[in-house]
Amino acid sequence: MKKIIVAMLLMTPPVHATDVNEYCSLFGDNAAKIMELRQANVPMSTLMSLFSEGNSESQAHRDLTRRAYSMPGYHVAENQTRAVAEFRNMAELLCYQVNKGE
């Protein structure tokens, strides 16, 4: 449980990023943390309660959480690691597409 609390506290919106690469890297970090918690079977409502409604940063993280929980949870550590990496890459791709118009 302590690990889960620490991971949730580490989730910070990428609002302080100075450029697109840093912004998308931080967004990817947060996506990976969300998927790690999903793989640890943390209730979705716990994560959703971290992100207030109304601002675009929180909305993006709420969307990531919905997407993470629509994907399967795995019991084997190797599969969990792969799911986290793939989810992070997907989030970074979306970030670059939105922030560079690609």
PDB file of N, CA and C in Angstrom:
ATOM      1  N   MET A   1       0.821  -1.186   0.000  1.00  0.00           N
ATOM      2  CA  MET A   1       0.000   0.000   0.000  1.00  0.00           C
ATOM      3  C   MET A   1       0.869   1.255   0.000  1.00  0.00           C
ATOM      4  N   LYS A   2       1.973   1.203   0.748  1.00  0.00           N
ATOM      5  CA  LYS A   2       2.872   2.357   0.806  1.00  0.00           C
ATOM      6  C   LYS A   2       3.407   2.691  -0.583  1.00  0.00           C
ATOM      7  N   LYS A   3       3.730   1.653  -1.360  1.00  0.00           N
ATOM      8  CA  LYS A   3       4.230   1.824  -2.724  1.00  0.00           C
ATOM      9  C   LYS A   3       3.199   2.541  -3.597  1.00  0.00           C
ATOM     10  N   ILE A   4       1.945   2.172  -3.426  1.00  0.00           N
ATOM     11  CA  ILE A   4       0.864   2.767  -4.213  1.00  0.00           C
ATOM     12  C   ILE A   4       0.733   4.255  -3.876  1.00  0.00           C
ATOM     13  N   ILE A   5       0.777   4.589  -2.608  1.00  0.00           N
ATOM     14  CA  ILE A   5       0.654   5.984  -2.198  1.00  0.00           C
ATOM     15  C   ILE A   5       1.805   6.808  -2.746  1.00  0.00           C
ATOM     16  N   VAL A   6       3.027   6.277  -2.652  1.00  0.00           N
ATOM     17  CA  VAL A   6       4.198   6.986  -3.180  1.00  0.00           C
ATOM     18  C   VAL A   6       4.054   7.192  -4.681  1.00  0.00           C
ATOM     19  N   ALA A   7       3.631   6.159  -5.398  1.00  0.00           N
ATOM     20  CA  ALA A   7       3.465   6.278  -6.854  1.00  0.00           C
ATOM     21  C   ALA A   7       2.427   7.335  -7.197  1.00  0.00           C
ATOM     22  N   MET A   8       1.346   7.382  -6.447  1.00  0.00           N
ATOM     23  CA  MET A   8       0.317   8.373  -6.732  1.00  0.00           C
ATOM     24  C   MET A   8       0.821   9.787  -6.444  1.00  0.00           C
ATOM     25  N   LEU A   9       1.600   9.943  -5.397  1.00  0.00           N
ATOM     26  CA  LEU A   9       2.138  11.263  -5.075  1.00  0.00           C
ATOM     27  C   LEU A   9       3.138  11.741  -6.119  1.00  0.00           C
ATOM     28  N   LEU A  10       3.812  10.803  -6.758  1.00  0.00           N
ATOM     29  CA  LEU A  10       4.797  11.163  -7.769  1.00  0.00           C
ATOM     30  C   LEU A  10       4.152  11.616  -9.074  1.00  0.00           C
ATOM     31  N   MET A  11       2.883  11.319  -9.250  1.00  0.00           N
ATOM     32  CA  MET A  11       2.202  11.723 -10.475  1.00  0.00           C
ATOM     33  C   MET A  11       1.978  13.227 -10.456  1.00  0.00           C
ATOM     34  N   THR A  12       2.674  13.900 -11.322  1.00  0.00           N
ATOM     35  CA  THR A  12       2.506  15.341 -11.425  1.00  0.00           C
ATOM     36  C   THR A  12       2.173  15.693 -12.855  1.00  0.00           C
ATOM     37  N   PRO A  13       1.281  16.601 -13.070  1.00  0.00           N
ATOM     38  CA  PRO A  13       0.965  16.992 -14.441  1.00  0.00           C
ATOM     39  C   PRO A  13       2.168  17.658 -15.092  1.00  0.00           C
ATOM     40  N   PRO A  14       2.354  17.461 -16.375  1.00  0.00           N
ATOM     41  CA  PRO A  14       3.522  17.999 -17.067  1.00  0.00           C
ATOM     42  C   PRO A  14       3.439  19.489 -17.362  1.00  0.00           C
ATOM     43  N   VAL A  15       2.764  20.233 -16.520  1.00  0.00           N
ATOM     44  CA  VAL A  15       2.543  21.651 -16.770  1.00  0.00           C
ATOM     45  C   VAL A  15       3.834  22.468 -16.667  1.00  0.00           C
ATOM     46  N   HIS A  16       4.856  21.971 -15.981  1.00  0.00           N
ATOM     47  CA  HIS A  16       6.088  22.711 -15.788  1.00  0.00           C
ATOM     48  C   HIS A  16       7.126  22.454 -16.888  1.00  0.00           C
ATOM     49  N   ALA A  17       6.783  21.658 -17.849  1.00  0.00           N
ATOM     50  CA  ALA A  17       7.718  21.329 -18.917  1.00  0.00           C
ATOM     51  C   ALA A  17       8.043  22.562 -19.750  1.00  0.00           C
ATOM     52  N   THR A  18       9.284  22.621 -20.207  1.00  0.00           N
ATOM     53  CA  THR A  18       9.722  23.789 -20.973  1.00  0.00           C
ATOM     54  C   THR A  18       9.635  23.582 -22.481  1.00  0.00           C
ATOM     55  N   ASP A  19       9.581  22.356 -22.931  1.00  0.00           N
ATOM     56  CA  ASP A  19       9.436  22.108 -24.369  1.00  0.00           C
ATOM     57  C   ASP A  19       8.610  20.839 -24.586  1.00  0.00           C
ATOM     58  N   VAL A  20       8.282  20.559 -25.840  1.00  0.00           N
ATOM     59  CA  VAL A  20       7.418  19.431 -26.163  1.00  0.00           C
ATOM     60  C   VAL A  20       8.049  18.113 -25.746  1.00  0.00           C
ATOM     61  N   ASN A  21       9.355  17.957 -25.956  1.00  0.00           N
ATOM     62  CA  ASN A  21       9.999  16.697 -25.571  1.00  0.00           C
ATOM     63  C   ASN A  21       9.883  16.451 -24.075  1.00  0.00           C
ATOM     64  N   GLU A  22      10.146  17.477 -23.286  1.00  0.00           N
ATOM     65  CA  GLU A  22      10.049  17.327 -21.837  1.00  0.00           C
ATOM     66  C   GLU A  22       8.595  17.071 -21.424  1.00  0.00           C
ATOM     67  N   TYR A  23       7.683  17.819 -22.027  1.00  0.00           N
ATOM     68  CA  TYR A  23       6.255  17.669 -21.735  1.00  0.00           C
ATOM     69  C   TYR A  23       5.797  16.239 -22.015  1.00  0.00           C
ATOM     70  N   CYS A  24       6.124  15.726 -23.187  1.00  0.00           N
ATOM     71  CA  CYS A  24       5.672  14.386 -23.567  1.00  0.00           C
ATOM     72  C   CYS A  24       6.381  13.300 -22.761  1.00  0.00           C
ATOM     73  N   SER A  25       7.622  13.547 -22.382  1.00  0.00           N
ATOM     74  CA  SER A  25       8.330  12.601 -21.529  1.00  0.00           C
ATOM     75  C   SER A  25       7.656  12.508 -20.160  1.00  0.00           C
ATOM     76  N   LEU A  26       7.304  13.656 -19.583  1.00  0.00           N
ATOM     77  CA  LEU A  26       6.618  13.667 -18.292  1.00  0.00           C
ATOM     78  C   LEU A  26       5.224  13.044 -18.403  1.00  0.00           C
ATOM     79  N   PHE A  27       4.549  13.309 -19.505  1.00  0.00           N
ATOM     80  CA  PHE A  27       3.236  12.705 -19.736  1.00  0.00           C
ATOM     81  C   PHE A  27       3.376  11.186 -19.819  1.00  0.00           C
ATOM     82  N   GLY A  28       4.438  10.733 -20.495  1.00  0.00           N
ATOM     83  CA  GLY A  28       4.712   9.302 -20.576  1.00  0.00           C
ATOM     84  C   GLY A  28       5.022   8.698 -19.216  1.00  0.00           C
ATOM     85  N   ASP A  29       5.779   9.423 -18.398  1.00  0.00           N
ATOM     86  CA  ASP A  29       6.062   8.958 -17.029  1.00  0.00           C
ATOM     87  C   ASP A  29       4.760   8.729 -16.265  1.00  0.00           C
ATOM     88  N   ASN A  30       3.863   9.692 -16.371  1.00  0.00           N
ATOM     89  CA  ASN A  30       2.590   9.584 -15.657  1.00  0.00           C
ATOM     90  C   ASN A  30       1.740   8.442 -16.208  1.00  0.00           C
ATOM     91  N   ALA A  31       1.772   8.253 -17.513  1.00  0.00           N
ATOM     92  CA  ALA A  31       1.037   7.140 -18.116  1.00  0.00           C
ATOM     93  C   ALA A  31       1.583   5.807 -17.604  1.00  0.00           C
ATOM     94  N   ALA A  32       2.901   5.700 -17.517  1.00  0.00           N
ATOM     95  CA  ALA A  32       3.518   4.468 -17.007  1.00  0.00           C
ATOM     96  C   ALA A  32       3.095   4.222 -15.562  1.00  0.00           C
ATOM     97  N   LYS A  33       3.062   5.268 -14.744  1.00  0.00           N
ATOM     98  CA  LYS A  33       2.643   5.113 -13.348  1.00  0.00           C
ATOM     99  C   LYS A  33       1.191   4.677 -13.254  1.00  0.00           C
ATOM    100  N   ILE A  34       0.357   5.252 -14.101  1.00  0.00           N
ATOM    101  CA  ILE A  34      -1.053   4.856 -14.113  1.00  0.00           C
ATOM    102  C   ILE A  34      -1.173   3.378 -14.470  1.00  0.00           C
ATOM    103  N   MET A  35      -0.454   2.929 -15.493  1.00  0.00           N
ATOM    104  CA  MET A  35      -0.540   1.525 -15.894  1.00  0.00           C
ATOM    105  C   MET A  35       0.067   0.604 -14.840  1.00  0.00           C
ATOM    106  N   GLU A  36       1.137   1.036 -14.175  1.00  0.00           N
ATOM    107  CA  GLU A  36       1.711   0.226 -13.091  1.00  0.00           C
ATOM    108  C   GLU A  36       0.665   0.009 -11.992  1.00  0.00           C
ATOM    109  N   LEU A  37      -0.046   1.060 -11.644  1.00  0.00           N
ATOM    110  CA  LEU A  37      -1.077   0.941 -10.620  1.00  0.00           C
ATOM    111  C   LEU A  37      -2.240   0.084 -11.098  1.00  0.00           C
ATOM    112  N   ARG A  38      -2.560   0.189 -12.385  1.00  0.00           N
ATOM    113  CA  ARG A  38      -3.609  -0.662 -12.953  1.00  0.00           C
ATOM    114  C   ARG A  38      -3.178  -2.127 -12.872  1.00  0.00           C
ATOM    115  N   GLN A  39      -1.910  -2.404 -13.180  1.00  0.00           N
ATOM    116  CA  GLN A  39      -1.394  -3.769 -13.124  1.00  0.00           C
ATOM    117  C   GLN A  39      -1.325  -4.290 -11.684  1.00  0.00           C
ATOM    118  N   ALA A  40      -1.251  -3.376 -10.722  1.00  0.00           N
ATOM    119  CA  ALA A  40      -1.233  -3.755  -9.303  1.00  0.00           C
ATOM    120  C   ALA A  40      -2.654  -3.876  -8.739  1.00  0.00           C
ATOM    121  N   ASN A  41      -3.657  -3.772  -9.606  1.00  0.00           N
ATOM    122  CA  ASN A  41      -5.065  -3.902  -9.234  1.00  0.00           C
ATOM    123  C   ASN A  41      -5.558  -2.831  -8.262  1.00  0.00           C
ATOM    124  N   VAL A  42      -4.973  -1.649  -8.357  1.00  0.00           N
ATOM    125  CA  VAL A  42      -5.481  -0.515  -7.589  1.00  0.00           C
ATOM    126  C   VAL A  42      -6.826  -0.131  -8.213  1.00  0.00           C
ATOM    127  N   PRO A  43      -7.842   0.091  -7.408  1.00  0.00           N
ATOM    128  CA  PRO A  43      -9.149   0.448  -7.980  1.00  0.00           C
ATOM    129  C   PRO A  43      -9.077   1.703  -8.845  1.00  0.00           C
ATOM    130  N   MET A  44      -9.780   1.661  -9.959  1.00  0.00           N
ATOM    131  CA  MET A  44      -9.824   2.797 -10.873  1.00  0.00           C
ATOM    132  C   MET A  44     -10.314   4.058 -10.154  1.00  0.00           C
ATOM    133  N   SER A  45     -11.269   3.909  -9.265  1.00  0.00           N
ATOM    134  CA  SER A  45     -11.814   5.069  -8.552  1.00  0.00           C
ATOM    135  C   SER A  45     -10.747   5.763  -7.709  1.00  0.00           C
ATOM    136  N   THR A  46      -9.776   5.026  -7.223  1.00  0.00           N
ATOM    137  CA  THR A  46      -8.688   5.624  -6.453  1.00  0.00           C
ATOM    138  C   THR A  46      -7.895   6.579  -7.327  1.00  0.00           C
ATOM    139  N   LEU A  47      -7.591   6.145  -8.543  1.00  0.00           N
ATOM    140  CA  LEU A  47      -6.838   7.006  -9.453  1.00  0.00           C
ATOM    141  C   LEU A  47      -7.682   8.174  -9.937  1.00  0.00           C
ATOM    142  N   MET A  48      -8.926   7.914 -10.281  1.00  0.00           N
ATOM    143  CA  MET A  48      -9.779   8.984 -10.800  1.00  0.00           C
ATOM    144  C   MET A  48      -9.948  10.089  -9.764  1.00  0.00           C
ATOM    145  N   SER A  49      -9.944   9.743  -8.491  1.00  0.00           N
ATOM    146  CA  SER A  49     -10.121  10.753  -7.452  1.00  0.00           C
ATOM    147  C   SER A  49      -8.912  11.677  -7.324  1.00  0.00           C
ATOM    148  N   LEU A  50      -7.768  11.274  -7.902  1.00  0.00           N
ATOM    149  CA  LEU A  50      -6.570  12.112  -7.848  1.00  0.00           C
ATOM    150  C   LEU A  50      -6.643  13.295  -8.803  1.00  0.00           C
ATOM    151  N   PHE A  51      -7.440  13.156  -9.843  1.00  0.00           N
ATOM    152  CA  PHE A  51      -7.476  14.160 -10.900  1.00  0.00           C
ATOM    153  C   PHE A  51      -8.798  14.910 -10.867  1.00  0.00           C
ATOM    154  N   SER A  52      -8.745  16.165 -10.498  1.00  0.00           N
ATOM    155  CA  SER A  52      -9.957  16.974 -10.417  1.00  0.00           C
ATOM    156  C   SER A  52     -10.519  17.197 -11.816  1.00  0.00           C
ATOM    157  N   GLU A  53     -11.807  17.373 -11.856  1.00  0.00           N
ATOM    158  CA  GLU A  53     -12.442  17.661 -13.139  1.00  0.00           C
ATOM    159  C   GLU A  53     -12.335  19.150 -13.417  1.00  0.00           C
ATOM    160  N   GLY A  54     -12.275  19.497 -14.673  1.00  0.00           N
ATOM    161  CA  GLY A  54     -12.327  20.902 -15.008  1.00  0.00           C
ATOM    162  C   GLY A  54     -11.104  21.449 -15.711  1.00  0.00           C
ATOM    163  N   ASN A  55      -9.911  20.955 -15.403  1.00  0.00           N
ATOM    164  CA  ASN A  55      -8.766  21.495 -16.139  1.00  0.00           C
ATOM    165  C   ASN A  55      -8.241  20.455 -17.126  1.00  0.00           C
ATOM    166  N   SER A  56      -7.599  20.916 -18.165  1.00  0.00           N
ATOM    167  CA  SER A  56      -7.202  20.029 -19.268  1.00  0.00           C
ATOM    168  C   SER A  56      -6.148  19.018 -18.851  1.00  0.00           C
ATOM    169  N   GLU A  57      -5.240  19.370 -17.955  1.00  0.00           N
ATOM    170  CA  GLU A  57      -4.216  18.424 -17.495  1.00  0.00           C
ATOM    171  C   GLU A  57      -4.871  17.248 -16.783  1.00  0.00           C
ATOM    172  N   SER A  58      -5.755  17.553 -15.857  1.00  0.00           N
ATOM    173  CA  SER A  58      -6.443  16.490 -15.124  1.00  0.00           C
ATOM    174  C   SER A  58      -7.311  15.662 -16.060  1.00  0.00           C
ATOM    175  N   GLN A  59      -7.959  16.314 -17.008  1.00  0.00           N
ATOM    176  CA  GLN A  59      -8.802  15.583 -17.957  1.00  0.00           C
ATOM    177  C   GLN A  59      -7.962  14.604 -18.772  1.00  0.00           C
ATOM    178  N   ALA A  60      -6.783  15.019 -19.176  1.00  0.00           N
ATOM    179  CA  ALA A  60      -5.895  14.125 -19.930  1.00  0.00           C
ATOM    180  C   ALA A  60      -5.517  12.909 -19.086  1.00  0.00           C
ATOM    181  N   HIS A  61      -5.252  13.124 -17.807  1.00  0.00           N
ATOM    182  CA  HIS A  61      -4.897  12.011 -16.930  1.00  0.00           C
ATOM    183  C   HIS A  61      -6.103  11.117 -16.635  1.00  0.00           C
ATOM    184  N   ARG A  62      -7.286  11.703 -16.551  1.00  0.00           N
ATOM    185  CA  ARG A  62      -8.498  10.896 -16.379  1.00  0.00           C
ATOM    186  C   ARG A  62      -8.726  10.028 -17.627  1.00  0.00           C
ATOM    187  N   ASP A  63      -8.479  10.611 -18.804  1.00  0.00           N
ATOM    188  CA  ASP A  63      -8.608   9.848 -20.050  1.00  0.00           C
ATOM    189  C   ASP A  63      -7.587   8.704 -20.097  1.00  0.00           C
ATOM    190  N   LEU A  64      -6.357   8.983 -19.674  1.00  0.00           N
ATOM    191  CA  LEU A  64      -5.343   7.930 -19.629  1.00  0.00           C
ATOM    192  C   LEU A  64      -5.764   6.811 -18.682  1.00  0.00           C
ATOM    193  N   THR A  65      -6.319   7.194 -17.554  1.00  0.00           N
ATOM    194  CA  THR A  65      -6.756   6.189 -16.573  1.00  0.00           C
ATOM    195  C   THR A  65      -7.857   5.322 -17.163  1.00  0.00           C
ATOM    196  N   ARG A  66      -8.831   5.936 -17.828  1.00  0.00           N
ATOM    197  CA  ARG A  66      -9.894   5.151 -18.478  1.00  0.00           C
ATOM    198  C   ARG A  66      -9.307   4.177 -19.494  1.00  0.00           C
ATOM    199  N   ARG A  67      -8.361   4.678 -20.272  1.00  0.00           N
ATOM    200  CA  ARG A  67      -7.752   3.841 -21.298  1.00  0.00           C
ATOM    201  C   ARG A  67      -6.952   2.695 -20.674  1.00  0.00           C
ATOM    202  N   ALA A  68      -6.217   2.990 -19.602  1.00  0.00           N
ATOM    203  CA  ALA A  68      -5.424   1.955 -18.929  1.00  0.00           C
ATOM    204  C   ALA A  68      -6.321   0.848 -18.387  1.00  0.00           C
ATOM    205  N   TYR A  69      -7.450   1.242 -17.804  1.00  0.00           N
ATOM    206  CA  TYR A  69      -8.339   0.251 -17.206  1.00  0.00           C
ATOM    207  C   TYR A  69      -9.189  -0.478 -18.244  1.00  0.00           C
ATOM    208  N   SER A  70      -9.152  -0.036 -19.480  1.00  0.00           N
ATOM    209  CA  SER A  70      -9.838  -0.782 -20.538  1.00  0.00           C
ATOM    210  C   SER A  70      -8.930  -1.880 -21.089  1.00  0.00           C
ATOM    211  N   MET A  71      -7.683  -1.888 -20.654  1.00  0.00           N
ATOM    212  CA  MET A  71      -6.714  -2.894 -21.092  1.00  0.00           C
ATOM    213  C   MET A  71      -6.591  -3.976 -20.019  1.00  0.00           C
ATOM    214  N   PRO A  72      -6.130  -5.150 -20.427  1.00  0.00           N
ATOM    215  CA  PRO A  72      -6.057  -6.249 -19.456  1.00  0.00           C
ATOM    216  C   PRO A  72      -4.994  -6.034 -18.380  1.00  0.00           C
ATOM    217  N   GLY A  73      -5.280  -6.613 -17.215  1.00  0.00           N
ATOM    218  CA  GLY A  73      -4.291  -6.691 -16.149  1.00  0.00           C
ATOM    219  C   GLY A  73      -3.610  -8.053 -16.253  1.00  0.00           C
ATOM    220  N   TYR A  74      -2.344  -8.098 -15.943  1.00  0.00           N
ATOM    221  CA  TYR A  74      -1.579  -9.339 -16.059  1.00  0.00           C
ATOM    222  C   TYR A  74      -1.037  -9.755 -14.699  1.00  0.00           C
ATOM    223  N   HIS A  75      -0.823 -11.067 -14.544  1.00  0.00           N
ATOM    224  CA  HIS A  75      -0.272 -11.608 -13.305  1.00  0.00           C
ATOM    225  C   HIS A  75       1.228 -11.846 -13.419  1.00  0.00           C
ATOM    226  N   VAL A  76       1.716 -12.082 -14.622  1.00  0.00           N
ATOM    227  CA  VAL A  76       3.128 -12.371 -14.848  1.00  0.00           C
ATOM    228  C   VAL A  76       3.889 -11.048 -14.979  1.00  0.00           C
ATOM    229  N   ALA A  77       4.960 -10.919 -14.210  1.00  0.00           N
ATOM    230  CA  ALA A  77       5.722  -9.664 -14.165  1.00  0.00           C
ATOM    231  C   ALA A  77       6.197  -9.220 -15.546  1.00  0.00           C
ATOM    232  N   GLU A  78       6.636 -10.136 -16.365  1.00  0.00           N
ATOM    233  CA  GLU A  78       7.113  -9.790 -17.711  1.00  0.00           C
ATOM    234  C   GLU A  78       5.997  -9.160 -18.543  1.00  0.00           C
ATOM    235  N   ASN A  79       4.803  -9.703 -18.439  1.00  0.00           N
ATOM    236  CA  ASN A  79       3.665  -9.149 -19.176  1.00  0.00           C
ATOM    237  C   ASN A  79       3.260  -7.787 -18.627  1.00  0.00           C
ATOM    238  N   GLN A  80       3.352  -7.610 -17.321  1.00  0.00           N
ATOM    239  CA  GLN A  80       3.051  -6.315 -16.711  1.00  0.00           C
ATOM    240  C   GLN A  80       4.036  -5.260 -17.200  1.00  0.00           C
ATOM    241  N   THR A  81       5.319  -5.622 -17.225  1.00  0.00           N
ATOM    242  CA  THR A  81       6.355  -4.696 -17.689  1.00  0.00           C
ATOM    243  C   THR A  81       6.120  -4.295 -19.136  1.00  0.00           C
ATOM    244  N   ARG A  82       5.756  -5.248 -19.964  1.00  0.00           N
ATOM    245  CA  ARG A  82       5.473  -4.972 -21.365  1.00  0.00           C
ATOM    246  C   ARG A  82       4.257  -4.061 -21.498  1.00  0.00           C
ATOM    247  N   ALA A  83       3.215  -4.320 -20.725  1.00  0.00           N
ATOM    248  CA  ALA A  83       2.002  -3.494 -20.777  1.00  0.00           C
ATOM    249  C   ALA A  83       2.314  -2.054 -20.382  1.00  0.00           C
ATOM    250  N   VAL A  84       3.156  -1.875 -19.364  1.00  0.00           N
ATOM    251  CA  VAL A  84       3.526  -0.531 -18.922  1.00  0.00           C
ATOM    252  C   VAL A  84       4.303   0.191 -20.022  1.00  0.00           C
ATOM    253  N   ALA A  85       5.281  -0.490 -20.622  1.00  0.00           N
ATOM    254  CA  ALA A  85       6.101   0.129 -21.672  1.00  0.00           C
ATOM    255  C   ALA A  85       5.252   0.491 -22.892  1.00  0.00           C
ATOM    256  N   GLU A  86       4.370  -0.399 -23.297  1.00  0.00           N
ATOM    257  CA  GLU A  86       3.524  -0.137 -24.457  1.00  0.00           C
ATOM    258  C   GLU A  86       2.565   1.022 -24.184  1.00  0.00           C
ATOM    259  N   PHE A  87       2.040   1.074 -22.966  1.00  0.00           N
ATOM    260  CA  PHE A  87       1.112   2.145 -22.624  1.00  0.00           C
ATOM    261  C   PHE A  87       1.828   3.489 -22.584  1.00  0.00           C
ATOM    262  N   ARG A  88       3.025   3.496 -22.048  1.00  0.00           N
ATOM    263  CA  ARG A  88       3.814   4.733 -22.017  1.00  0.00           C
ATOM    264  C   ARG A  88       4.083   5.224 -23.440  1.00  0.00           C
ATOM    265  N   ASN A  89       4.504   4.311 -24.318  1.00  0.00           N
ATOM    266  CA  ASN A  89       4.792   4.690 -25.700  1.00  0.00           C
ATOM    267  C   ASN A  89       3.549   5.211 -26.409  1.00  0.00           C
ATOM    268  N   MET A  90       2.410   4.589 -26.151  1.00  0.00           N
ATOM    269  CA  MET A  90       1.158   5.054 -26.753  1.00  0.00           C
ATOM    270  C   MET A  90       0.837   6.466 -26.276  1.00  0.00           C
ATOM    271  N   ALA A  91       1.007   6.724 -24.983  1.00  0.00           N
ATOM    272  CA  ALA A  91       0.710   8.047 -24.425  1.00  0.00           C
ATOM    273  C   ALA A  91       1.649   9.101 -25.002  1.00  0.00           C
ATOM    274  N   GLU A  92       2.924   8.767 -25.121  1.00  0.00           N
ATOM    275  CA  GLU A  92       3.872   9.729 -25.686  1.00  0.00           C
ATOM    276  C   GLU A  92       3.555  10.004 -27.151  1.00  0.00           C
ATOM    277  N   LEU A  93       3.180   8.983 -27.892  1.00  0.00           N
ATOM    278  CA  LEU A  93       2.805   9.171 -29.289  1.00  0.00           C
ATOM    279  C   LEU A  93       1.623  10.130 -29.393  1.00  0.00           C
ATOM    280  N   LEU A  94       0.600   9.898 -28.582  1.00  0.00           N
ATOM    281  CA  LEU A  94      -0.560  10.799 -28.588  1.00  0.00           C
ATOM    282  C   LEU A  94      -0.152  12.221 -28.223  1.00  0.00           C
ATOM    283  N   CYS A  95       0.724  12.350 -27.252  1.00  0.00           N
ATOM    284  CA  CYS A  95       1.187  13.674 -26.820  1.00  0.00           C
ATOM    285  C   CYS A  95       1.882  14.393 -27.973  1.00  0.00           C
ATOM    286  N   TYR A  96       2.779  13.695 -28.648  1.00  0.00           N
ATOM    287  CA  TYR A  96       3.479  14.329 -29.779  1.00  0.00           C
ATOM    288  C   TYR A  96       2.519  14.673 -30.912  1.00  0.00           C
ATOM    289  N   GLN A  97       1.545  13.816 -31.150  1.00  0.00           N
ATOM    290  CA  GLN A  97       0.587  14.103 -32.208  1.00  0.00           C
ATOM    291  C   GLN A  97      -0.237  15.339 -31.882  1.00  0.00           C
ATOM    292  N   VAL A  98      -0.654  15.487 -30.656  1.00  0.00           N
ATOM    293  CA  VAL A  98      -1.458  16.631 -30.241  1.00  0.00           C
ATOM    294  C   VAL A  98      -0.621  17.899 -30.208  1.00  0.00           C
ATOM    295  N   ASN A  99       0.609  17.803 -29.762  1.00  0.00           N
ATOM    296  CA  ASN A  99       1.430  19.000 -29.555  1.00  0.00           C
ATOM    297  C   ASN A  99       2.285  19.394 -30.735  1.00  0.00           C
ATOM    298  N   LYS A 100       2.258  18.589 -31.791  1.00  0.00           N
ATOM    299  CA  LYS A 100       2.980  18.958 -33.004  1.00  0.00           C
ATOM    300  C   LYS A 100       2.080  18.905 -34.220  1.00  0.00           C
ATOM    301  N   GLY A 101       0.816  18.576 -34.003  1.00  0.00           N
ATOM    302  CA  GLY A 101      -0.132  18.560 -35.104  1.00  0.00           C
ATOM    303  C   GLY A 101       0.113  17.454 -36.103  1.00  0.00           C
ATOM    304  N   GLU A 102       0.780  16.369 -35.675  1.00  0.00           N
ATOM    305  CA  GLU A 102       1.083  15.281 -36.605  1.00  0.00           C
ATOM    306  C   GLU A 102      -0.076  14.333 -36.740  1.00  0.00           C
TER     307      GLU A 102
END
